[in-house]
């Protein structure tokens, strides 16, 4: 999530500020998730923790894909650039 926050924050010369803000946002998200999702599972079976964290991973990946910026389109290099030049 930290990488997602940094990638969706400012670009260009303000990027270091965006990284610092992404660190703070990731810290807050971690604290919230600890209390909301993981904290209530203490004292239960370890498989409950595994299932909860797996669900959090699935939800966060899907949310990032749905809400995040579209991927960058990069042109492919020419095919003859892969040949050895001997």
PDB file of N, CA and C in Angstrom:
ATOM      1  N   UNK A   1       0.823  -1.191   0.000  1.00  0.00           N
ATOM      2  CA  UNK A   1       0.000   0.000   0.000  1.00  0.00           C
ATOM      3  C   UNK A   1       0.862   1.249   0.000  1.00  0.00           C
ATOM      4  N   UNK A   2       2.035   1.157   0.616  1.00  0.00           N
ATOM      5  CA  UNK A   2       2.924   2.310   0.603  1.00  0.00           C
ATOM      6  C   UNK A   2       3.365   2.672  -0.808  1.00  0.00           C
ATOM      7  N   UNK A   3       3.650   1.665  -1.621  1.00  0.00           N
ATOM      8  CA  UNK A   3       4.033   1.924  -3.005  1.00  0.00           C
ATOM      9  C   UNK A   3       2.864   2.507  -3.787  1.00  0.00           C
ATOM     10  N   UNK A   4       1.660   2.037  -3.504  1.00  0.00           N
ATOM     11  CA  UNK A   4       0.474   2.580  -4.170  1.00  0.00           C
ATOM     12  C   UNK A   4       0.276   4.045  -3.798  1.00  0.00           C
ATOM     13  N   UNK A   5       0.397   4.347  -2.509  1.00  0.00           N
ATOM     14  CA  UNK A   5       0.242   5.736  -2.079  1.00  0.00           C
ATOM     15  C   UNK A   5       1.314   6.630  -2.707  1.00  0.00           C
ATOM     16  N   UNK A   6       2.547   6.134  -2.785  1.00  0.00           N
ATOM     17  CA  UNK A   6       3.620   6.939  -3.375  1.00  0.00           C
ATOM     18  C   UNK A   6       3.401   7.125  -4.873  1.00  0.00           C
ATOM     19  N   UNK A   7       2.918   6.082  -5.548  1.00  0.00           N
ATOM     20  CA  UNK A   7       2.720   6.177  -6.996  1.00  0.00           C
ATOM     21  C   UNK A   7       1.563   7.096  -7.351  1.00  0.00           C
ATOM     22  N   UNK A   8       0.573   7.185  -6.483  1.00  0.00           N
ATOM     23  CA  UNK A   8      -0.573   8.043  -6.791  1.00  0.00           C
ATOM     24  C   UNK A   8      -0.415   9.447  -6.225  1.00  0.00           C
ATOM     25  N   UNK A   9       0.682   9.692  -5.538  1.00  0.00           N
ATOM     26  CA  UNK A   9       0.910  11.038  -5.003  1.00  0.00           C
ATOM     27  C   UNK A   9       1.598  11.889  -6.065  1.00  0.00           C
ATOM     28  N   UNK A  10       2.144  12.990  -5.637  1.00  0.00           N
ATOM     29  CA  UNK A  10       2.739  13.932  -6.584  1.00  0.00           C
ATOM     30  C   UNK A  10       3.853  13.296  -7.395  1.00  0.00           C
ATOM     31  N   UNK A  11       3.994  13.832  -8.589  1.00  0.00           N
ATOM     32  CA  UNK A  11       5.084  13.407  -9.472  1.00  0.00           C
ATOM     33  C   UNK A  11       5.947  14.619  -9.766  1.00  0.00           C
ATOM     34  N   UNK A  12       7.132  14.374 -10.235  1.00  0.00           N
ATOM     35  CA  UNK A  12       8.024  15.466 -10.571  1.00  0.00           C
ATOM     36  C   UNK A  12       8.849  15.894  -9.376  1.00  0.00           C
ATOM     37  N   UNK A  13       9.128  17.192  -9.252  1.00  0.00           N
ATOM     38  CA  UNK A  13       9.999  17.644  -8.161  1.00  0.00           C
ATOM     39  C   UNK A  13       9.373  17.489  -6.778  1.00  0.00           C
ATOM     40  N   UNK A  14       8.057  17.344  -6.705  1.00  0.00           N
ATOM     41  CA  UNK A  14       7.391  17.170  -5.411  1.00  0.00           C
ATOM     42  C   UNK A  14       7.343  15.715  -4.975  1.00  0.00           C
ATOM     43  N   UNK A  15       7.955  14.802  -5.739  1.00  0.00           N
ATOM     44  CA  UNK A  15       7.862  13.384  -5.421  1.00  0.00           C
ATOM     45  C   UNK A  15       8.417  13.041  -4.037  1.00  0.00           C
ATOM     46  N   UNK A  16       9.539  13.615  -3.576  1.00  0.00           N
ATOM     47  CA  UNK A  16      10.000  13.290  -2.212  1.00  0.00           C
ATOM     48  C   UNK A  16       8.963  13.640  -1.141  1.00  0.00           C
ATOM     49  N   UNK A  17       8.251  14.731  -1.323  1.00  0.00           N
ATOM     50  CA  UNK A  17       7.183  15.069  -0.389  1.00  0.00           C
ATOM     51  C   UNK A  17       6.060  14.029  -0.463  1.00  0.00           C
ATOM     52  N   UNK A  18       5.766  13.558  -1.652  1.00  0.00           N
ATOM     53  CA  UNK A  18       4.758  12.519  -1.812  1.00  0.00           C
ATOM     54  C   UNK A  18       5.158  11.221  -1.130  1.00  0.00           C
ATOM     55  N   UNK A  19       6.435  10.886  -1.169  1.00  0.00           N
ATOM     56  CA  UNK A  19       6.918   9.676  -0.495  1.00  0.00           C
ATOM     57  C   UNK A  19       6.768   9.821   1.014  1.00  0.00           C
ATOM     58  N   UNK A  20       7.084  10.990   1.539  1.00  0.00           N
ATOM     59  CA  UNK A  20       6.945  11.217   2.985  1.00  0.00           C
ATOM     60  C   UNK A  20       5.472  11.121   3.394  1.00  0.00           C
ATOM     61  N   UNK A  21       4.590  11.714   2.593  1.00  0.00           N
ATOM     62  CA  UNK A  21       3.158  11.615   2.885  1.00  0.00           C
ATOM     63  C   UNK A  21       2.670  10.179   2.745  1.00  0.00           C
ATOM     64  N   UNK A  22       3.226   9.427   1.792  1.00  0.00           N
ATOM     65  CA  UNK A  22       2.846   8.021   1.634  1.00  0.00           C
ATOM     66  C   UNK A  22       3.264   7.200   2.845  1.00  0.00           C
ATOM     67  N   UNK A  23       4.407   7.528   3.440  1.00  0.00           N
ATOM     68  CA  UNK A  23       4.828   6.834   4.663  1.00  0.00           C
ATOM     69  C   UNK A  23       3.825   7.063   5.790  1.00  0.00           C
ATOM     70  N   UNK A  24       3.391   8.290   5.949  1.00  0.00           N
ATOM     71  CA  UNK A  24       2.401   8.603   6.973  1.00  0.00           C
ATOM     72  C   UNK A  24       1.067   7.917   6.714  1.00  0.00           C
ATOM     73  N   UNK A  25       0.633   7.913   5.462  1.00  0.00           N
ATOM     74  CA  UNK A  25      -0.640   7.268   5.121  1.00  0.00           C
ATOM     75  C   UNK A  25      -0.566   5.765   5.348  1.00  0.00           C
ATOM     76  N   UNK A  26       0.579   5.163   5.033  1.00  0.00           N
ATOM     77  CA  UNK A  26       0.751   3.735   5.258  1.00  0.00           C
ATOM     78  C   UNK A  26       0.766   3.419   6.744  1.00  0.00           C
ATOM     79  N   UNK A  27       1.383   4.271   7.545  1.00  0.00           N
ATOM     80  CA  UNK A  27       1.383   4.084   8.993  1.00  0.00           C
ATOM     81  C   UNK A  27      -0.043   4.116   9.538  1.00  0.00           C
ATOM     82  N   UNK A  28      -0.813   5.106   9.120  1.00  0.00           N
ATOM     83  CA  UNK A  28      -2.199   5.202   9.587  1.00  0.00           C
ATOM     84  C   UNK A  28      -3.036   4.005   9.141  1.00  0.00           C
ATOM     85  N   UNK A  29      -2.846   3.572   7.910  1.00  0.00           N
ATOM     86  CA  UNK A  29      -3.576   2.409   7.426  1.00  0.00           C
ATOM     87  C   UNK A  29      -3.205   1.165   8.229  1.00  0.00           C
ATOM     88  N   UNK A  30      -1.934   0.996   8.542  1.00  0.00           N
ATOM     89  CA  UNK A  30      -1.503  -0.147   9.334  1.00  0.00           C
ATOM     90  C   UNK A  30      -2.096  -0.144  10.727  1.00  0.00           C
ATOM     91  N   UNK A  31      -2.158   1.023  11.342  1.00  0.00           N
ATOM     92  CA  UNK A  31      -2.744   1.124  12.682  1.00  0.00           C
ATOM     93  C   UNK A  31      -4.235   0.790  12.637  1.00  0.00           C
ATOM     94  N   UNK A  32      -4.936   1.326  11.655  1.00  0.00           N
ATOM     95  CA  UNK A  32      -6.369   1.047  11.530  1.00  0.00           C
ATOM     96  C   UNK A  32      -6.610  -0.441  11.288  1.00  0.00           C
ATOM     97  N   UNK A  33      -5.843  -1.036  10.389  1.00  0.00           N
ATOM     98  CA  UNK A  33      -6.023  -2.453  10.110  1.00  0.00           C
ATOM     99  C   UNK A  33      -5.689  -3.319  11.312  1.00  0.00           C
ATOM    100  N   UNK A  34      -4.710  -2.908  12.105  1.00  0.00           N
ATOM    101  CA  UNK A  34      -4.367  -3.656  13.307  1.00  0.00           C
ATOM    102  C   UNK A  34      -5.539  -3.700  14.276  1.00  0.00           C
ATOM    103  N   UNK A  35      -6.168  -2.562  14.496  1.00  0.00           N
ATOM    104  CA  UNK A  35      -7.278  -2.520  15.443  1.00  0.00           C
ATOM    105  C   UNK A  35      -8.556  -3.123  14.882  1.00  0.00           C
ATOM    106  N   UNK A  36      -8.826  -2.899  13.607  1.00  0.00           N
ATOM    107  CA  UNK A  36     -10.091  -3.335  13.023  1.00  0.00           C
ATOM    108  C   UNK A  36     -10.063  -4.817  12.635  1.00  0.00           C
ATOM    109  N   UNK A  37      -9.010  -5.245  11.962  1.00  0.00           N
ATOM    110  CA  UNK A  37      -9.015  -6.592  11.402  1.00  0.00           C
ATOM    111  C   UNK A  37      -8.182  -7.589  12.200  1.00  0.00           C
ATOM    112  N   UNK A  38      -6.993  -7.228  12.575  1.00  0.00           N
ATOM    113  CA  UNK A  38      -6.087  -8.201  13.199  1.00  0.00           C
ATOM    114  C   UNK A  38      -6.211  -8.243  14.712  1.00  0.00           C
ATOM    115  N   UNK A  39      -6.452  -7.125  15.331  1.00  0.00           N
ATOM    116  CA  UNK A  39      -6.496  -7.062  16.783  1.00  0.00           C
ATOM    117  C   UNK A  39      -7.581  -7.929  17.403  1.00  0.00           C
ATOM    118  N   UNK A  40      -8.703  -8.064  16.695  1.00  0.00           N
ATOM    119  CA  UNK A  40      -9.793  -8.862  17.253  1.00  0.00           C
ATOM    120  C   UNK A  40      -9.521 -10.358  17.144  1.00  0.00           C
ATOM    121  N   UNK A  41      -8.495 -10.749  16.400  1.00  0.00           N
ATOM    122  CA  UNK A  41      -8.194 -12.161  16.211  1.00  0.00           C
ATOM    123  C   UNK A  41      -7.175 -12.704  17.208  1.00  0.00           C
ATOM    124  N   UNK A  42      -6.627 -11.853  18.067  1.00  0.00           N
ATOM    125  CA  UNK A  42      -5.665 -12.342  19.046  1.00  0.00           C
ATOM    126  C   UNK A  42      -6.345 -13.340  19.969  1.00  0.00           C
ATOM    127  N   UNK A  43      -5.665 -14.410  20.276  1.00  0.00           N
ATOM    128  CA  UNK A  43      -6.219 -15.451  21.125  1.00  0.00           C
ATOM    129  C   UNK A  43      -6.985 -16.514  20.350  1.00  0.00           C
ATOM    130  N   UNK A  44      -7.099 -16.349  19.052  1.00  0.00           N
ATOM    131  CA  UNK A  44      -7.780 -17.341  18.221  1.00  0.00           C
ATOM    132  C   UNK A  44      -6.747 -18.178  17.489  1.00  0.00           C
ATOM    133  N   UNK A  45      -7.205 -19.121  16.742  1.00  0.00           N
ATOM    134  CA  UNK A  45      -6.333 -20.023  15.995  1.00  0.00           C
ATOM    135  C   UNK A  45      -5.534 -19.249  14.951  1.00  0.00           C
ATOM    136  N   UNK A  46      -4.320 -19.733  14.680  1.00  0.00           N
ATOM    137  CA  UNK A  46      -3.469 -19.012  13.719  1.00  0.00           C
ATOM    138  C   UNK A  46      -4.038 -19.050  12.310  1.00  0.00           C
ATOM    139  N   UNK A  47      -4.851 -20.026  11.978  1.00  0.00           N
ATOM    140  CA  UNK A  47      -5.460 -20.058  10.649  1.00  0.00           C
ATOM    141  C   UNK A  47      -6.450 -18.912  10.447  1.00  0.00           C
ATOM    142  N   UNK A  48      -7.041 -18.437  11.513  1.00  0.00           N
ATOM    143  CA  UNK A  48      -7.907 -17.256  11.403  1.00  0.00           C
ATOM    144  C   UNK A  48      -7.093 -16.037  10.974  1.00  0.00           C
ATOM    145  N   UNK A  49      -5.882 -15.913  11.497  1.00  0.00           N
ATOM    146  CA  UNK A  49      -5.000 -14.815  11.098  1.00  0.00           C
ATOM    147  C   UNK A  49      -4.606 -14.944   9.625  1.00  0.00           C
ATOM    148  N   UNK A  50      -4.305 -16.160   9.217  1.00  0.00           N
ATOM    149  CA  UNK A  50      -3.916 -16.390   7.819  1.00  0.00           C
ATOM    150  C   UNK A  50      -5.057 -16.025   6.885  1.00  0.00           C
ATOM    151  N   UNK A  51      -6.257 -16.462   7.207  1.00  0.00           N
ATOM    152  CA  UNK A  51      -7.407 -16.148   6.358  1.00  0.00           C
ATOM    153  C   UNK A  51      -7.704 -14.649   6.334  1.00  0.00           C
ATOM    154  N   UNK A  52      -7.595 -14.001   7.472  1.00  0.00           N
ATOM    155  CA  UNK A  52      -7.872 -12.560   7.528  1.00  0.00           C
ATOM    156  C   UNK A  52      -6.847 -11.769   6.730  1.00  0.00           C
ATOM    157  N   UNK A  53      -5.572 -12.098   6.877  1.00  0.00           N
ATOM    158  CA  UNK A  53      -4.565 -11.349   6.125  1.00  0.00           C
ATOM    159  C   UNK A  53      -4.637 -11.646   4.634  1.00  0.00           C
ATOM    160  N   UNK A  54      -4.994 -12.882   4.275  1.00  0.00           N
ATOM    161  CA  UNK A  54      -5.172 -13.195   2.851  1.00  0.00           C
ATOM    162  C   UNK A  54      -6.340 -12.397   2.273  1.00  0.00           C
ATOM    163  N   UNK A  55      -7.415 -12.278   3.029  1.00  0.00           N
ATOM    164  CA  UNK A  55      -8.554 -11.483   2.564  1.00  0.00           C
ATOM    165  C   UNK A  55      -8.183 -10.010   2.432  1.00  0.00           C
ATOM    166  N   UNK A  56      -7.401  -9.494   3.389  1.00  0.00           N
ATOM    167  CA  UNK A  56      -6.960  -8.100   3.291  1.00  0.00           C
ATOM    168  C   UNK A  56      -6.106  -7.868   2.048  1.00  0.00           C
ATOM    169  N   UNK A  57      -5.257  -8.835   1.727  1.00  0.00           N
ATOM    170  CA  UNK A  57      -4.419  -8.712   0.521  1.00  0.00           C
ATOM    171  C   UNK A  57      -5.303  -8.674  -0.722  1.00  0.00           C
ATOM    172  N   UNK A  58      -6.284  -9.575  -0.796  1.00  0.00           N
ATOM    173  CA  UNK A  58      -7.170  -9.603  -1.961  1.00  0.00           C
ATOM    174  C   UNK A  58      -7.971  -8.311  -2.094  1.00  0.00           C
ATOM    175  N   UNK A  59      -8.516  -7.828  -0.986  1.00  0.00           N
ATOM    176  CA  UNK A  59      -9.286  -6.587  -1.031  1.00  0.00           C
ATOM    177  C   UNK A  59      -8.427  -5.397  -1.419  1.00  0.00           C
ATOM    178  N   UNK A  60      -7.220  -5.313  -0.873  1.00  0.00           N
ATOM    179  CA  UNK A  60      -6.367  -4.159  -1.176  1.00  0.00           C
ATOM    180  C   UNK A  60      -5.887  -4.195  -2.623  1.00  0.00           C
ATOM    181  N   UNK A  61      -5.563  -5.372  -3.145  1.00  0.00           N
ATOM    182  CA  UNK A  61      -5.133  -5.457  -4.545  1.00  0.00           C
ATOM    183  C   UNK A  61      -6.275  -5.097  -5.486  1.00  0.00           C
ATOM    184  N   UNK A  62      -7.484  -5.592  -5.193  1.00  0.00           N
ATOM    185  CA  UNK A  62      -8.624  -5.290  -6.043  1.00  0.00           C
ATOM    186  C   UNK A  62      -8.980  -3.807  -5.954  1.00  0.00           C
ATOM    187  N   UNK A  63      -8.934  -3.262  -4.743  1.00  0.00           N
ATOM    188  CA  UNK A  63      -9.223  -1.844  -4.586  1.00  0.00           C
ATOM    189  C   UNK A  63      -8.219  -0.965  -5.294  1.00  0.00           C
ATOM    190  N   UNK A  64      -6.940  -1.339  -5.227  1.00  0.00           N
ATOM    191  CA  UNK A  64      -5.919  -0.568  -5.928  1.00  0.00           C
ATOM    192  C   UNK A  64      -6.109  -0.652  -7.436  1.00  0.00           C
ATOM    193  N   UNK A  65      -6.515  -1.815  -7.919  1.00  0.00           N
ATOM    194  CA  UNK A  65      -6.739  -1.958  -9.359  1.00  0.00           C
ATOM    195  C   UNK A  65      -7.959  -1.165  -9.814  1.00  0.00           C
ATOM    196  N   UNK A  66      -9.004  -1.139  -8.984  1.00  0.00           N
ATOM    197  CA  UNK A  66     -10.225  -0.430  -9.369  1.00  0.00           C
ATOM    198  C   UNK A  66     -10.111   1.081  -9.211  1.00  0.00           C
ATOM    199  N   UNK A  67      -9.441   1.529  -8.163  1.00  0.00           N
ATOM    200  CA  UNK A  67      -9.380   2.956  -7.872  1.00  0.00           C
ATOM    201  C   UNK A  67      -8.118   3.633  -8.390  1.00  0.00           C
ATOM    202  N   UNK A  68      -7.108   2.863  -8.669  1.00  0.00           N
ATOM    203  CA  UNK A  68      -5.808   3.423  -9.009  1.00  0.00           C
ATOM    204  C   UNK A  68      -5.722   3.927 -10.432  1.00  0.00           C
ATOM    205  N   UNK A  69      -4.592   4.545 -10.731  1.00  0.00           N
ATOM    206  CA  UNK A  69      -4.388   5.051 -12.088  1.00  0.00           C
ATOM    207  C   UNK A  69      -4.198   3.899 -13.061  1.00  0.00           C
ATOM    208  N   UNK A  70      -4.495   4.156 -14.306  1.00  0.00           N
ATOM    209  CA  UNK A  70      -4.292   3.137 -15.337  1.00  0.00           C
ATOM    210  C   UNK A  70      -2.802   2.893 -15.516  1.00  0.00           C
ATOM    211  N   UNK A  71      -2.478   1.724 -15.981  1.00  0.00           N
ATOM    212  CA  UNK A  71      -1.070   1.390 -16.204  1.00  0.00           C
ATOM    213  C   UNK A  71      -0.459   2.267 -17.285  1.00  0.00           C
ATOM    214  N   UNK A  72       0.828   2.381 -17.253  1.00  0.00           N
ATOM    215  CA  UNK A  72       1.529   3.177 -18.248  1.00  0.00           C
ATOM    216  C   UNK A  72       1.753   2.347 -19.498  1.00  0.00           C
ATOM    217  N   UNK A  73       1.452   2.914 -20.643  1.00  0.00           N
ATOM    218  CA  UNK A  73       1.695   2.234 -21.915  1.00  0.00           C
ATOM    219  C   UNK A  73       3.099   2.597 -22.392  1.00  0.00           C
ATOM    220  N   UNK A  74       3.935   1.602 -22.528  1.00  0.00           N
ATOM    221  CA  UNK A  74       5.301   1.828 -22.995  1.00  0.00           C
ATOM    222  C   UNK A  74       5.478   1.155 -24.343  1.00  0.00           C
ATOM    223  N   UNK A  75       6.081   1.852 -25.311  1.00  0.00           N
ATOM    224  CA  UNK A  75       6.272   1.239 -26.621  1.00  0.00           C
ATOM    225  C   UNK A  75       7.327   0.127 -26.537  1.00  0.00           C
ATOM    226  N   UNK A  76       7.128  -0.904 -27.328  1.00  0.00           N
ATOM    227  CA  UNK A  76       8.087  -1.992 -27.373  1.00  0.00           C
ATOM    228  C   UNK A  76       9.307  -1.591 -28.193  1.00  0.00           C
ATOM    229  N   UNK A  77      10.477  -2.065 -27.807  1.00  0.00           N
ATOM    230  CA  UNK A  77      11.668  -1.762 -28.613  1.00  0.00           C
ATOM    231  C   UNK A  77      11.613  -2.550 -29.918  1.00  0.00           C
ATOM    232  N   UNK A  78      12.357  -2.113 -30.912  1.00  0.00           N
ATOM    233  CA  UNK A  78      12.345  -2.855 -32.181  1.00  0.00           C
ATOM    234  C   UNK A  78      12.880  -4.272 -31.973  1.00  0.00           C
ATOM    235  N   UNK A  79      12.334  -5.213 -32.750  1.00  0.00           N
ATOM    236  CA  UNK A  79      12.702  -6.626 -32.594  1.00  0.00           C
ATOM    237  C   UNK A  79      14.150  -6.881 -32.966  1.00  0.00           C
ATOM    238  N   UNK A  80      14.730  -6.117 -33.892  1.00  0.00           N
ATOM    239  CA  UNK A  80      16.113  -6.372 -34.292  1.00  0.00           C
ATOM    240  C   UNK A  80      17.115  -5.910 -33.231  1.00  0.00           C
ATOM    241  N   UNK A  81      16.699  -5.207 -32.224  1.00  0.00           N
ATOM    242  CA  UNK A  81      17.593  -4.769 -31.161  1.00  0.00           C
ATOM    243  C   UNK A  81      18.011  -5.901 -30.240  1.00  0.00           C
ATOM    244  N   UNK A  82      17.359  -7.051 -30.349  1.00  0.00           N
ATOM    245  CA  UNK A  82      17.680  -8.190 -29.477  1.00  0.00           C
ATOM    246  C   UNK A  82      18.749  -9.079 -30.053  1.00  0.00           C
ATOM    247  N   UNK A  83      19.088  -8.929 -31.318  1.00  0.00           N
ATOM    248  CA  UNK A  83      20.093  -9.790 -31.953  1.00  0.00           C
ATOM    249  C   UNK A  83      21.479  -9.424 -31.481  1.00  0.00           C
ATOM    250  N   UNK A  84      22.316 -10.419 -31.439  1.00  0.00           N
ATOM    251  CA  UNK A  84      23.717 -10.145 -31.066  1.00  0.00           C
ATOM    252  C   UNK A  84      24.400  -9.439 -32.227  1.00  0.00           C
ATOM    253  N   UNK A  85      25.292  -8.574 -31.921  1.00  0.00           N
ATOM    254  CA  UNK A  85      25.984  -7.768 -32.953  1.00  0.00           C
ATOM    255  C   UNK A  85      27.408  -8.248 -33.098  1.00  0.00           C
ATOM    256  N   UNK A  86      27.542  -9.438 -33.606  1.00  0.00           N
ATOM    257  CA  UNK A  86      28.906  -9.973 -33.797  1.00  0.00           C
ATOM    258  C   UNK A  86      29.267 -10.074 -35.244  1.00  0.00           C
TER     259      UNK A  86
END
